[in-house]
Amino acid sequence: MAEVLSNVTATRASIFMLHRFTSPDEEGVSGHDPAVLREVLSHLRKQRYDLISLREMFRRLREGEALTRAVAFTIDDGYFDHGLVGAPIFSEFDCPVTIFVVSGFLDGNNWLWWDQIQYICETTARTQLRVCVGDEERLFQLDSDPARLAAAHDISWWCQDASQSDRVACIARMFQEADVEVPAVPPRQFAPLSWGEARRLEKRGVTFGPHTVTHPVLSSTSDDQAEFEISSSWKRLCDELASPVPIFCYPHGRQRDFGQREMKSVQRLGLWGAVAGYPRRFRPEEFRHAPGIYCVPRFPFPDDWLDILQCVSGLEVVKARLRGVGA
């Protein structure tokens, strides 16, 4: 049935993006269930999907080669659990995976801004917290563990749509208002891979691509910062790794999070292309050249085999278009 639907929808390739992985031995780390990932990869192998690397998918796009039932996997940000939990599972099924890393995160110069928000909400002794983004102020309840997680989630979404300066100022004020000190190094729950670990993973077949220096919403940054985030992240990967993938990943990746400015920066660097963070019809002929190859769509990994089938068959894109999501 999936093959019939893919023919009807002209779906020839799919890219999935994952983020964090549940790690029973690491307190506070939750994400994709390793058992579900194994189940999905097993089904894809048994049904003879073409599990290829992102580099190979873009090579075929650029050179006009056929893509049939092709599936590629990516992981965003560069957390430690990507190497500890995720990479070994992909290796079990001989399935390539590309990790898009935030270079300043791996350098130890910063930790990811939404993790700082979660850290504040989880560790403050306060049971309420006033948060300001720009000129707007909201009061969040922190009187239970679920309330703290919900507040962290809501504040992060709020900040994601703020300007870069308002987001930075908001988090700085949150540390003060919550009476929480900023750790110089992210706690283990929020820790990155090291470059040494990345090099070891690279020798085992994992590939790495650039995902900015600090993970801002690029469309909210100045021209100079946007250029710095894109070009410097690529340079750091080239300095640290043997063969980084010349494909960029836009942070957050919604349609409003990047635009022509960012796509032109990626193109000027000589990178092969870039991936977004939203589902869209993926007919290879539409993404072989600019501008399409600089905004190739991806599916959020749904943690369910039936949902995966809807994605690789093209049915999920049809449903998304009916809901007004993507294009």
Foldseek 3Di string as FASTA:
>chain_A
DLQVLLVVLVFQEAEAEFEFPDDVVDPPGHGFDLVLVLVQLVVCVVVDQAQDEPLVVLVCLQVVHGGHSYYYYEYEAFAPRCLVRVLVSCVVSVHEYEYAHQAQQQVLNDFALLVLLLCLLVPFPDQKFWFDQPNDIDIAGSNDPVSSVVVSVVVVVVLLPGAPVSSVVRSVVSCVRSVHDDDSGDPNNRHGDHLVSVQVSVVVRYAYEYAFNHQHLLLRDDLVRLLNRVPVRRVSCVVRYDDHQLEYEYRVFAPNSDDPSNQVSSVVVVRSEYEGEFDARCNSVQQNDPPNRNYHYHHHDPSDNVVVSCRSSVVVNVVCVVVVGYD
